[in-house]
Amino acid sequence: SIFIVGFIKNFAELGVPALKNYMAKKKAVQDADVDPTTNELLTSDENEYIQAKVDSEFELVSYETTDIDGTYADYLEVMIQYGHVTLFVIAFPFAPMLAFLNNILEIYVDRSKLLHFTRRPIPAGAAGIGVWFGIVEFISVTAILSNLGILCFASTTFDEDKRLPLF
C-alpha cells in the first residue's frame, strides 16, 4: 500500500545521502590529517578546526537539488498522503494510524537530512503555505464527497432506490 512505499522511500531518502556523506568523509580522511580513532582533524589551532568544520559543512549537498528532496517535494509527499487518507478513510479506517506512524518516521528522516546530510537552507519568510492551502481545501471537499459516496453506494444500510437521492 501507499504507507509501505512511504516507509521504503523514507529509508531510501535517508540512505542515499548517508552513503554519499560516508564516501565523502572517507575521501576527506585519506586526504587530510585526521585522527583515525575519532575522525577529527589534527590541528593545533582552534580557528583551523572551526574553519575545517565550516568547509566540510559547505561541501555538503544543497537542500534543494535533484538528489535530495527540497521543500516542494516534502510538501508534495505530505499532500499525497493526506489525499489517500482522507479520500478513503471510510474504506480503510486504519489509514490515519499508519499515516501518523509514517509522519513520525518522516520527521526523523527530514531532521537527519537537514542536520547531517545537506547544507543549511537559506531561511525565507512566508505568510502561509501558499498554493498548498488551496490543494488542501480541494482534497478536503473531494474527500467529503468521496466518503459520502462510498457510504451511500457500498453500504447495505440504505435501500437501493434511496441511495442516489441521499448522495
Protein backbone atom coordinates (compact mmCIF):
# COMPACT_ATOMS: atom_id res chain seq x y z
CA SER A 1 0.00 0.00 0.00
CA ILE A 2 0.94 3.66 -0.05
CA PHE A 3 2.28 3.51 3.50
CA ILE A 4 4.70 0.67 2.82
CA VAL A 5 6.00 2.60 -0.17
CA GLY A 6 6.32 5.66 2.09
CA PHE A 7 8.35 3.71 4.65
CA ILE A 8 10.66 2.36 1.95
CA LYS A 9 11.01 5.82 0.40
CA ASN A 10 11.97 7.29 3.79
CA PHE A 11 14.74 4.75 4.21
CA ALA A 12 15.99 5.45 0.68
CA GLU A 13 15.72 9.21 1.29
CA LEU A 14 17.97 8.84 4.29
CA GLY A 15 20.22 6.06 2.98
CA VAL A 16 21.43 7.69 -0.25
CA PRO A 17 22.66 10.91 1.41
CA ALA A 18 24.18 8.91 4.27
CA LEU A 19 26.12 6.78 1.81
CA LYS A 20 27.30 9.85 -0.12
CA ASN A 21 28.31 11.53 3.13
CA TYR A 22 30.19 8.41 4.26
CA MET A 23 32.07 8.22 0.96
CA ALA A 24 32.95 11.94 1.08
CA LYS A 25 34.21 11.64 4.67
CA LYS A 26 36.25 8.57 3.78
CA LYS A 27 37.89 10.51 0.93
CA ALA A 28 38.49 13.52 3.21
CA VAL A 29 40.12 11.26 5.81
CA GLN A 30 42.52 9.95 3.19
CA ASP A 31 43.36 13.48 2.00
CA ALA A 32 43.80 15.22 5.39
CA ASP A 33 45.47 14.79 8.75
CA VAL A 34 42.72 13.05 10.68
CA ASP A 35 42.86 11.10 13.90
CA PRO A 36 41.71 7.62 12.82
CA THR A 37 40.14 6.85 16.19
CA THR A 38 37.94 9.96 16.46
CA ASN A 39 37.73 11.12 12.81
CA GLU A 40 38.61 14.65 13.95
CA LEU A 41 41.14 16.85 12.24
CA LEU A 42 44.53 17.08 13.90
CA THR A 43 45.02 20.82 14.23
CA SER A 44 46.91 22.85 16.71
CA ASP A 45 44.74 25.93 16.41
CA GLU A 46 41.04 26.12 17.26
CA ASN A 47 40.43 28.53 14.37
CA GLU A 48 41.76 25.97 11.92
CA TYR A 49 39.42 23.39 13.39
CA ILE A 50 36.43 25.73 13.06
CA GLN A 51 37.40 26.64 9.50
CA ALA A 52 37.73 22.95 8.61
CA LYS A 53 34.31 22.24 10.14
CA VAL A 54 32.71 25.09 8.19
CA ASP A 55 34.38 23.93 4.99
CA SER A 56 33.16 20.36 5.49
CA GLU A 57 29.60 21.58 6.06
CA PHE A 58 29.81 23.82 2.99
CA GLU A 59 30.79 20.84 0.85
CA LEU A 60 27.52 19.09 1.71
CA VAL A 61 24.82 18.88 -0.95
CA SER A 62 22.33 21.76 -1.13
CA TYR A 63 18.88 21.03 0.33
CA GLU A 64 17.13 21.74 -2.96
CA THR A 65 18.82 19.52 -5.54
CA THR A 66 17.62 16.67 -7.68
CA ASP A 67 19.28 14.06 -5.45
CA ILE A 68 17.72 15.23 -2.20
CA ASP A 69 14.14 16.45 -1.91
CA GLY A 70 13.62 20.08 -1.09
CA THR A 71 10.66 21.80 0.47
CA TYR A 72 8.43 21.29 -2.58
CA ALA A 73 8.94 17.53 -2.58
CA ASP A 74 8.38 17.34 1.19
CA TYR A 75 5.05 19.20 0.87
CA LEU A 76 4.07 17.05 -2.11
CA GLU A 77 4.73 13.87 -0.13
CA VAL A 78 2.52 15.10 2.72
CA MET A 79 -0.27 16.17 0.35
CA ILE A 80 -0.33 12.80 -1.41
CA GLN A 81 -0.55 11.05 1.92
CA TYR A 82 -3.28 13.44 3.12
CA GLY A 83 -5.25 12.75 -0.05
CA HIS A 84 -5.03 8.99 0.33
CA VAL A 85 -6.01 9.10 3.98
CA THR A 86 -8.93 11.50 3.69
CA LEU A 87 -10.34 10.21 0.41
CA PHE A 88 -10.53 6.59 1.51
CA VAL A 89 -10.72 6.69 5.32
CA ILE A 90 -14.18 5.12 5.30
CA ALA A 91 -12.90 2.16 3.28
CA PHE A 92 -9.73 1.72 5.36
CA PRO A 93 -10.18 3.16 8.88
CA PHE A 94 -6.66 2.05 9.89
CA ALA A 95 -5.14 4.54 7.40
CA PRO A 96 -4.86 7.52 9.82
CA MET A 97 -2.90 5.36 12.27
CA LEU A 98 -0.47 4.28 9.55
CA ALA A 99 -0.21 7.88 8.34
CA PHE A 100 0.61 9.02 11.88
CA LEU A 101 3.39 6.44 12.20
CA ASN A 102 4.69 7.37 8.77
CA ASN A 103 4.70 11.06 9.72
CA ILE A 104 6.72 10.35 12.86
CA LEU A 105 9.26 8.48 10.73
CA GLU A 106 9.20 11.34 8.19
CA ILE A 107 10.03 13.86 10.93
CA TYR A 108 13.12 11.88 11.94
CA VAL A 109 14.20 11.36 8.33
CA ASP A 110 13.83 15.04 7.46
CA ARG A 111 15.60 16.06 10.68
CA SER A 112 18.55 13.83 9.88
CA LYS A 113 18.60 15.00 6.29
CA LEU A 114 18.64 18.68 7.32
CA LEU A 115 21.12 18.30 10.17
CA HIS A 116 23.65 15.85 8.81
CA PHE A 117 23.45 15.39 5.05
CA THR A 118 22.61 18.73 3.48
CA ARG A 119 23.82 22.28 3.65
CA ARG A 120 21.67 24.52 5.81
CA PRO A 121 18.93 26.08 3.68
CA ILE A 122 18.72 29.84 3.42
CA PRO A 123 15.74 30.96 5.51
CA ALA A 124 12.97 32.74 3.68
CA GLY A 125 9.85 34.16 5.26
CA ALA A 126 6.39 33.05 4.20
CA ALA A 127 2.91 34.23 5.14
CA GLY A 128 1.45 30.73 4.89
CA ILE A 129 1.76 27.54 2.91
CA GLY A 130 0.93 29.26 -0.36
CA VAL A 131 -0.80 27.31 -3.09
CA TRP A 132 -0.82 24.20 -0.92
CA PHE A 133 -3.72 25.68 1.10
CA GLY A 134 -5.96 25.58 -1.97
CA ILE A 135 -4.91 22.00 -2.60
CA VAL A 136 -5.78 21.04 0.99
CA GLU A 137 -9.21 22.68 0.60
CA PHE A 138 -9.85 20.84 -2.67
CA ILE A 139 -8.80 17.48 -1.22
CA SER A 140 -10.98 18.08 1.85
CA VAL A 141 -14.13 18.85 -0.17
CA THR A 142 -13.45 15.95 -2.52
CA ALA A 143 -12.90 13.65 0.48
CA ILE A 144 -16.30 14.55 1.91
CA LEU A 145 -17.99 13.71 -1.38
CA SER A 146 -15.92 10.55 -1.84
CA ASN A 147 -16.62 9.20 1.63
CA LEU A 148 -20.31 10.10 1.35
CA GLY A 149 -20.49 8.27 -1.98
CA ILE A 150 -18.74 5.20 -0.58
CA LEU A 151 -21.10 5.21 2.41
CA CYS A 152 -24.24 5.57 0.28
CA PHE A 153 -23.42 3.17 -2.54
CA ALA A 154 -21.27 0.50 -0.86
CA SER A 155 -23.21 0.25 2.40
CA THR A 156 -26.18 -2.03 2.89
CA THR A 157 -27.72 0.42 5.37
CA PHE A 158 -29.68 2.33 2.73
CA ASP A 159 -32.27 0.92 0.33
CA GLU A 160 -31.09 0.67 -3.27
CA ASP A 161 -33.72 3.06 -4.59
CA LYS A 162 -32.94 5.76 -1.98
CA ARG A 163 -29.14 5.82 -2.39
CA LEU A 164 -28.91 8.37 -5.18
CA PRO A 165 -31.20 10.98 -3.55
CA LEU A 166 -29.25 10.61 -0.28
CA PHE A 167 -25.99 11.29 -2.07
